Amino acid sequence: GILEPPGAAEIVFKKDKQTIEMMHRCDHVLQELDAKKAAGEDVTVQLKQREKLLLPLYQQVAQEYCDLHDRCPRMKSLGAIREGLVWEDSRAYLHWRIRRRVQENSVIRKLMRTVPGTTYKQGASIVADMVSAVASGVSKEAQDEAVATWLEENTSLVEARIETERHRATEEEIYKLVASLPANRRGELVRDLVGYARVAADGKGVPARF
């Protein structure tokens, strides 16, 4: 998409040098003239005339070839896009696609702020898990709308999942810190934590759970 096809063809085919070489590989008349030239005949004029005749056609083919990489079938085969858009449906598609991405990115960024050490990729995986049931319950074409709507209408569930992930990360960090202590200090720390948990639970008027 940076260069127009004619400019790309000029670079890729070395200003027609490789285009002319391709003509000699593909055109039977040029092949016959090349054979006569190799045999010692002077066919320079005929070669130039044939090359001049074929060059515009081969230039069009070269430009078409360079343009193919920006078209839907090629981009889809490379995994650059999921599907080509139908023009009549493109506005609705882009609306829901962008709306879904905005909602997903909002949750991912909040996870990264709230849960220490969470990367964008990990946050995206958590969000994908949250909406997996919604996405799998509709057709591929309706997934963007379903996911975007669910994230907008279920903020309490999203917040609860973020809090669950924060608790999980906190527990993992505590386990890592305890494991880093000498064995004789681990027992002491665990007893201190148990005592702290009892006091904290009694202060709230609820029984402690261990």
C-alpha atoms as a PDB file:
ATOM      1  CA  GLY A   1       0.000   0.000   0.000  1.00  0.00           C
ATOM      2  CA  ILE A   2       2.989   2.363   0.238  1.00  0.00           C
ATOM      3  CA  LEU A   3       3.750   2.274  -3.504  1.00  0.00           C
ATOM      4  CA  GLU A   4       1.229   2.217  -6.300  1.00  0.00           C
ATOM      5  CA  PRO A   5       1.454  -0.956  -8.448  1.00  0.00           C
ATOM      6  CA  PRO A   6       3.340   0.752 -11.317  1.00  0.00           C
ATOM      7  CA  GLY A   7       6.016   2.026  -8.923  1.00  0.00           C
ATOM      8  CA  ALA A   8       6.264  -1.323  -7.162  1.00  0.00           C
ATOM      9  CA  ALA A   9       6.568  -3.140 -10.510  1.00  0.00           C
ATOM     10  CA  GLU A  10       9.364  -0.838 -11.596  1.00  0.00           C
ATOM     11  CA  ILE A  11      11.326  -1.705  -8.434  1.00  0.00           C
ATOM     12  CA  VAL A  12      10.516  -5.423  -8.315  1.00  0.00           C
ATOM     13  CA  PHE A  13      11.198  -6.021 -12.022  1.00  0.00           C
ATOM     14  CA  LYS A  14      14.328  -3.802 -12.172  1.00  0.00           C
ATOM     15  CA  LYS A  15      12.958  -1.186 -14.578  1.00  0.00           C
ATOM     16  CA  ASP A  16      11.745  -3.793 -17.113  1.00  0.00           C
ATOM     17  CA  LYS A  17      15.022  -5.746 -17.102  1.00  0.00           C
ATOM     18  CA  GLN A  18      13.427  -8.786 -15.499  1.00  0.00           C
ATOM     19  CA  THR A  19      10.220  -8.215 -17.461  1.00  0.00           C
ATOM     20  CA  ILE A  20      12.154  -8.610 -20.715  1.00  0.00           C
ATOM     21  CA  GLU A  21      13.898 -11.697 -19.335  1.00  0.00           C
ATOM     22  CA  MET A  22      10.492 -13.145 -18.497  1.00  0.00           C
ATOM     23  CA  MET A  23       9.292 -12.416 -22.038  1.00  0.00           C
ATOM     24  CA  HIS A  24      12.178 -14.459 -23.430  1.00  0.00           C
ATOM     25  CA  ARG A  25      11.293 -17.349 -21.081  1.00  0.00           C
ATOM     26  CA  CYS A  26       7.594 -17.360 -21.959  1.00  0.00           C
ATOM     27  CA  ASP A  27       7.191 -16.216 -25.583  1.00  0.00           C
ATOM     28  CA  HIS A  28       7.827 -18.903 -28.195  1.00  0.00           C
ATOM     29  CA  VAL A  29       8.670 -16.340 -30.935  1.00  0.00           C
ATOM     30  CA  LEU A  30      11.399 -14.798 -28.816  1.00  0.00           C
ATOM     31  CA  GLN A  31      12.661 -18.269 -27.973  1.00  0.00           C
ATOM     32  CA  GLU A  32      12.978 -19.066 -31.682  1.00  0.00           C
ATOM     33  CA  LEU A  33      14.771 -15.770 -32.303  1.00  0.00           C
ATOM     34  CA  ASP A  34      17.125 -16.478 -29.383  1.00  0.00           C
ATOM     35  CA  ALA A  35      17.917 -19.879 -30.916  1.00  0.00           C
ATOM     36  CA  LYS A  36      18.711 -18.237 -34.279  1.00  0.00           C
ATOM     37  CA  LYS A  37      20.887 -15.654 -32.542  1.00  0.00           C
ATOM     38  CA  ALA A  38      22.760 -18.420 -30.741  1.00  0.00           C
ATOM     39  CA  ALA A  39      23.304 -20.103 -34.107  1.00  0.00           C
ATOM     40  CA  GLY A  40      24.999 -16.970 -35.409  1.00  0.00           C
ATOM     41  CA  GLU A  41      22.145 -15.250 -37.287  1.00  0.00           C
ATOM     42  CA  ASP A  42      21.657 -11.498 -36.948  1.00  0.00           C
ATOM     43  CA  VAL A  43      18.129 -11.139 -35.548  1.00  0.00           C
ATOM     44  CA  THR A  44      18.703  -8.016 -33.449  1.00  0.00           C
ATOM     45  CA  VAL A  45      16.045  -5.976 -35.248  1.00  0.00           C
ATOM     46  CA  GLN A  46      13.436  -8.734 -34.957  1.00  0.00           C
ATOM     47  CA  LEU A  47      14.214  -9.195 -31.263  1.00  0.00           C
ATOM     48  CA  LYS A  48      13.824  -5.477 -30.549  1.00  0.00           C
ATOM     49  CA  GLN A  49      10.582  -5.322 -32.509  1.00  0.00           C
ATOM     50  CA  ARG A  50       9.125  -8.328 -30.692  1.00  0.00           C
ATOM     51  CA  GLU A  51      10.199  -6.993 -27.284  1.00  0.00           C
ATOM     52  CA  LYS A  52       8.676  -3.589 -28.078  1.00  0.00           C
ATOM     53  CA  LEU A  53       5.420  -5.273 -29.124  1.00  0.00           C
ATOM     54  CA  LEU A  54       5.142  -7.426 -25.978  1.00  0.00           C
ATOM     55  CA  LEU A  55       6.470  -5.010 -23.363  1.00  0.00           C
ATOM     56  CA  PRO A  56       3.187  -3.102 -22.676  1.00  0.00           C
ATOM     57  CA  LEU A  57       1.328  -6.381 -22.140  1.00  0.00           C
ATOM     58  CA  TYR A  58       3.970  -7.783 -19.796  1.00  0.00           C
ATOM     59  CA  GLN A  59       4.121  -4.485 -17.909  1.00  0.00           C
ATOM     60  CA  GLN A  60       0.393  -4.765 -17.238  1.00  0.00           C
ATOM     61  CA  VAL A  61       0.872  -8.317 -15.985  1.00  0.00           C
ATOM     62  CA  ALA A  62       3.734  -7.197 -13.734  1.00  0.00           C
ATOM     63  CA  GLN A  63       1.643  -4.379 -12.285  1.00  0.00           C
ATOM     64  CA  GLU A  64      -1.273  -6.729 -11.701  1.00  0.00           C
ATOM     65  CA  TYR A  65       1.080  -9.120  -9.911  1.00  0.00           C
ATOM     66  CA  CYS A  66       2.360  -6.337  -7.631  1.00  0.00           C
ATOM     67  CA  ASP A  67      -1.198  -5.242  -6.874  1.00  0.00           C
ATOM     68  CA  LEU A  68      -2.337  -8.701  -5.768  1.00  0.00           C
ATOM     69  CA  HIS A  69      -0.625  -8.518  -2.357  1.00  0.00           C
ATOM     70  CA  ASP A  70      -3.017  -5.723  -1.288  1.00  0.00           C
ATOM     71  CA  ARG A  71      -6.173  -7.590  -2.219  1.00  0.00           C
ATOM     72  CA  CYS A  72      -8.439  -9.548   0.082  1.00  0.00           C
ATOM     73  CA  PRO A  73      -7.641 -13.133  -1.009  1.00  0.00           C
ATOM     74  CA  ARG A  74      -3.892 -12.659  -0.592  1.00  0.00           C
ATOM     75  CA  MET A  75      -4.206 -10.751   2.695  1.00  0.00           C
ATOM     76  CA  LYS A  76      -6.550 -13.437   4.034  1.00  0.00           C
ATOM     77  CA  SER A  77      -4.191 -16.249   3.016  1.00  0.00           C
ATOM     78  CA  LEU A  78      -1.379 -14.513   4.935  1.00  0.00           C
ATOM     79  CA  GLY A  79      -3.547 -14.068   8.025  1.00  0.00           C
ATOM     80  CA  ALA A  80      -3.424 -10.267   7.790  1.00  0.00           C
ATOM     81  CA  ILE A  81      -7.232 -10.089   7.741  1.00  0.00           C
ATOM     82  CA  ARG A  82      -9.992 -12.430   8.883  1.00  0.00           C
ATOM     83  CA  GLU A  83     -12.350 -11.801   5.985  1.00  0.00           C
ATOM     84  CA  GLY A  84     -12.999  -9.338   3.186  1.00  0.00           C
ATOM     85  CA  LEU A  85     -15.773  -6.829   3.829  1.00  0.00           C
ATOM     86  CA  VAL A  86     -19.012  -6.620   1.926  1.00  0.00           C
ATOM     87  CA  TRP A  87     -19.315  -2.938   1.064  1.00  0.00           C
ATOM     88  CA  GLU A  88     -23.010  -2.714   1.957  1.00  0.00           C
ATOM     89  CA  ASP A  89     -22.333  -4.108   5.459  1.00  0.00           C
ATOM     90  CA  SER A  90     -19.007  -2.391   6.096  1.00  0.00           C
ATOM     91  CA  ARG A  91     -20.332   0.481   8.236  1.00  0.00           C
ATOM     92  CA  ALA A  92     -22.166  -1.820  10.643  1.00  0.00           C
ATOM     93  CA  TYR A  93     -19.226  -4.221  10.742  1.00  0.00           C
ATOM     94  CA  LEU A  94     -16.694  -1.499  11.561  1.00  0.00           C
ATOM     95  CA  HIS A  95     -19.026   0.060  14.140  1.00  0.00           C
ATOM     96  CA  TRP A  96     -19.311  -3.131  16.160  1.00  0.00           C
ATOM     97  CA  ARG A  97     -15.697  -4.140  15.568  1.00  0.00           C
ATOM     98  CA  ILE A  98     -14.380  -0.849  16.921  1.00  0.00           C
ATOM     99  CA  ARG A  99     -16.924  -0.836  19.751  1.00  0.00           C
ATOM    100  CA  ARG A 100     -15.808  -4.308  20.804  1.00  0.00           C
ATOM    101  CA  ARG A 101     -12.119  -3.408  20.649  1.00  0.00           C
ATOM    102  CA  VAL A 102     -12.694  -0.260  22.726  1.00  0.00           C
ATOM    103  CA  GLN A 103     -14.480  -2.248  25.428  1.00  0.00           C
ATOM    104  CA  GLU A 104     -11.922  -5.062  25.427  1.00  0.00           C
ATOM    105  CA  ASN A 105      -8.977  -2.670  25.567  1.00  0.00           C
ATOM    106  CA  SER A 106     -10.615  -0.780  28.425  1.00  0.00           C
ATOM    107  CA  VAL A 107     -10.867  -3.974  30.484  1.00  0.00           C
ATOM    108  CA  ILE A 108      -7.335  -5.047  29.559  1.00  0.00           C
ATOM    109  CA  ARG A 109      -5.885  -1.686  30.615  1.00  0.00           C
ATOM    110  CA  LYS A 110      -7.762  -1.856  33.911  1.00  0.00           C
ATOM    111  CA  LEU A 111      -6.400  -5.358  34.513  1.00  0.00           C
ATOM    112  CA  MET A 112      -2.882  -4.090  33.857  1.00  0.00           C
ATOM    113  CA  ARG A 113      -3.380  -1.253  36.347  1.00  0.00           C
ATOM    114  CA  THR A 114      -5.082  -3.366  39.022  1.00  0.00           C
ATOM    115  CA  VAL A 115      -3.271  -6.692  38.811  1.00  0.00           C
ATOM    116  CA  PRO A 116       0.506  -6.301  39.300  1.00  0.00           C
ATOM    117  CA  GLY A 117       2.650  -7.823  36.569  1.00  0.00           C
ATOM    118  CA  THR A 118      -0.177  -8.366  34.080  1.00  0.00           C
ATOM    119  CA  THR A 119       0.940  -7.921  30.481  1.00  0.00           C
ATOM    120  CA  TYR A 120      -1.321  -6.849  27.632  1.00  0.00           C
ATOM    121  CA  LYS A 121      -1.259 -10.383  26.224  1.00  0.00           C
ATOM    122  CA  GLN A 122      -2.262 -11.879  29.574  1.00  0.00           C
ATOM    123  CA  GLY A 123      -5.029  -9.305  29.954  1.00  0.00           C
ATOM    124  CA  ALA A 124      -6.321 -10.123  26.478  1.00  0.00           C
ATOM    125  CA  SER A 125      -6.376 -13.814  27.393  1.00  0.00           C
ATOM    126  CA  ILE A 126      -8.432 -13.079  30.528  1.00  0.00           C
ATOM    127  CA  VAL A 127     -10.902 -10.975  28.542  1.00  0.00           C
ATOM    128  CA  ALA A 128     -11.188 -13.697  25.904  1.00  0.00           C
ATOM    129  CA  ASP A 129     -12.002 -16.189  28.652  1.00  0.00           C
ATOM    130  CA  MET A 130     -14.644 -13.827  30.087  1.00  0.00           C
ATOM    131  CA  VAL A 131     -16.500 -13.480  26.798  1.00  0.00           C
ATOM    132  CA  SER A 132     -15.899 -16.978  25.407  1.00  0.00           C
ATOM    133  CA  ALA A 133     -19.391 -18.211  26.261  1.00  0.00           C
ATOM    134  CA  VAL A 134     -21.001 -15.162  24.664  1.00  0.00           C
ATOM    135  CA  ALA A 135     -18.855 -15.378  21.521  1.00  0.00           C
ATOM    136  CA  SER A 136     -19.426 -19.101  21.059  1.00  0.00           C
ATOM    137  CA  GLY A 137     -23.195 -18.699  21.406  1.00  0.00           C
ATOM    138  CA  VAL A 138     -23.621 -16.638  18.233  1.00  0.00           C
ATOM    139  CA  SER A 139     -22.477 -16.783  14.623  1.00  0.00           C
ATOM    140  CA  LYS A 140     -19.065 -15.480  13.619  1.00  0.00           C
ATOM    141  CA  GLU A 141     -20.643 -12.430  11.990  1.00  0.00           C
ATOM    142  CA  ALA A 142     -22.524 -11.481  15.183  1.00  0.00           C
ATOM    143  CA  GLN A 143     -19.669 -11.974  17.651  1.00  0.00           C
ATOM    144  CA  ASP A 144     -18.471  -8.367  17.716  1.00  0.00           C
ATOM    145  CA  GLU A 145     -21.907  -7.010  18.580  1.00  0.00           C
ATOM    146  CA  ALA A 146     -22.568  -9.726  21.175  1.00  0.00           C
ATOM    147  CA  VAL A 147     -19.227  -9.245  22.942  1.00  0.00           C
ATOM    148  CA  ALA A 148     -19.376  -5.441  22.915  1.00  0.00           C
ATOM    149  CA  THR A 149     -22.928  -5.450  24.279  1.00  0.00           C
ATOM    150  CA  TRP A 150     -22.086  -7.992  26.987  1.00  0.00           C
ATOM    151  CA  LEU A 151     -19.069  -6.016  28.217  1.00  0.00           C
ATOM    152  CA  GLU A 152     -21.126  -2.812  28.319  1.00  0.00           C
ATOM    153  CA  GLU A 153     -24.073  -4.374  30.145  1.00  0.00           C
ATOM    154  CA  ASN A 154     -22.195  -6.578  32.635  1.00  0.00           C
ATOM    155  CA  THR A 155     -19.742  -4.192  34.279  1.00  0.00           C
ATOM    156  CA  SER A 156     -20.364  -5.752  37.703  1.00  0.00           C
ATOM    157  CA  LEU A 157     -19.309  -9.183  36.418  1.00  0.00           C
ATOM    158  CA  VAL A 158     -16.267  -7.656  34.751  1.00  0.00           C
ATOM    159  CA  GLU A 159     -15.288  -5.855  37.967  1.00  0.00           C
ATOM    160  CA  ALA A 160     -15.747  -9.078  39.941  1.00  0.00           C
ATOM    161  CA  ARG A 161     -13.450 -10.955  37.556  1.00  0.00           C
ATOM    162  CA  ILE A 162     -10.823  -8.205  37.799  1.00  0.00           C
ATOM    163  CA  GLU A 163     -10.999  -8.415  41.608  1.00  0.00           C
ATOM    164  CA  THR A 164     -10.652 -12.212  41.421  1.00  0.00           C
ATOM    165  CA  GLU A 165      -7.552 -11.830  39.269  1.00  0.00           C
ATOM    166  CA  ARG A 166      -6.151  -9.284  41.740  1.00  0.00           C
ATOM    167  CA  HIS A 167      -6.666 -11.723  44.625  1.00  0.00           C
ATOM    168  CA  ARG A 168      -5.041 -14.525  42.649  1.00  0.00           C
ATOM    169  CA  ALA A 169      -2.025 -12.390  41.817  1.00  0.00           C
ATOM    170  CA  THR A 170      -1.716 -11.278  45.451  1.00  0.00           C
ATOM    171  CA  GLU A 171      -1.808 -14.876  46.674  1.00  0.00           C
ATOM    172  CA  GLU A 172       0.835 -15.904  44.144  1.00  0.00           C
ATOM    173  CA  GLU A 173       3.081 -13.041  45.246  1.00  0.00           C
ATOM    174  CA  ILE A 174       2.669 -13.997  48.897  1.00  0.00           C
ATOM    175  CA  TYR A 175       3.544 -17.625  48.123  1.00  0.00           C
ATOM    176  CA  LYS A 176       6.644 -16.490  46.241  1.00  0.00           C
ATOM    177  CA  LEU A 177       7.750 -14.254  49.099  1.00  0.00           C
ATOM    178  CA  VAL A 178       7.193 -16.965  51.705  1.00  0.00           C
ATOM    179  CA  ALA A 179       9.026 -19.533  49.557  1.00  0.00           C
ATOM    180  CA  SER A 180      12.002 -17.180  49.330  1.00  0.00           C
ATOM    181  CA  LEU A 181      12.456 -17.189  53.124  1.00  0.00           C
ATOM    182  CA  PRO A 182      14.605 -19.704  55.027  1.00  0.00           C
ATOM    183  CA  ALA A 183      12.649 -22.760  56.148  1.00  0.00           C
ATOM    184  CA  ASN A 184      12.729 -21.790  59.849  1.00  0.00           C
ATOM    185  CA  ARG A 185      11.302 -18.338  59.078  1.00  0.00           C
ATOM    186  CA  ARG A 186       8.425 -19.631  56.992  1.00  0.00           C
ATOM    187  CA  GLY A 187       6.702 -21.252  59.962  1.00  0.00           C
ATOM    188  CA  GLU A 188       7.025 -18.092  62.049  1.00  0.00           C
ATOM    189  CA  LEU A 189       5.631 -15.943  59.265  1.00  0.00           C
ATOM    190  CA  VAL A 190       2.691 -18.275  58.700  1.00  0.00           C
ATOM    191  CA  ARG A 191       1.840 -18.155  62.442  1.00  0.00           C
ATOM    192  CA  ASP A 192       1.994 -14.350  62.340  1.00  0.00           C
ATOM    193  CA  LEU A 193      -0.287 -14.281  59.316  1.00  0.00           C
ATOM    194  CA  VAL A 194      -2.772 -16.621  61.005  1.00  0.00           C
ATOM    195  CA  GLY A 195      -2.825 -14.380  64.037  1.00  0.00           C
ATOM    196  CA  TYR A 196      -3.306 -11.292  61.896  1.00  0.00           C
ATOM    197  CA  ALA A 197      -6.165 -12.984  60.032  1.00  0.00           C
ATOM    198  CA  ARG A 198      -7.937 -13.796  63.297  1.00  0.00           C
ATOM    199  CA  VAL A 199      -7.642 -10.270  64.573  1.00  0.00           C
ATOM    200  CA  ALA A 200      -8.808  -8.809  61.272  1.00  0.00           C
ATOM    201  CA  ALA A 201     -11.761 -11.202  61.110  1.00  0.00           C
ATOM    202  CA  ASP A 202     -12.763 -10.521  64.734  1.00  0.00           C
ATOM    203  CA  GLY A 203     -12.602  -6.784  64.067  1.00  0.00           C
ATOM    204  CA  LYS A 204     -15.207  -7.169  61.325  1.00  0.00           C
ATOM    205  CA  GLY A 205     -17.391  -9.420  63.407  1.00  0.00           C
ATOM    206  CA  VAL A 206     -17.021 -12.390  61.064  1.00  0.00           C
ATOM    207  CA  PRO A 207     -15.319 -15.715  61.764  1.00  0.00           C
ATOM    208  CA  ALA A 208     -11.869 -16.252  60.316  1.00  0.00           C
ATOM    209  CA  ARG A 209     -11.462 -19.035  57.777  1.00  0.00           C
ATOM    210  CA  PHE A 210      -8.262 -21.025  57.446  1.00  0.00           C
END
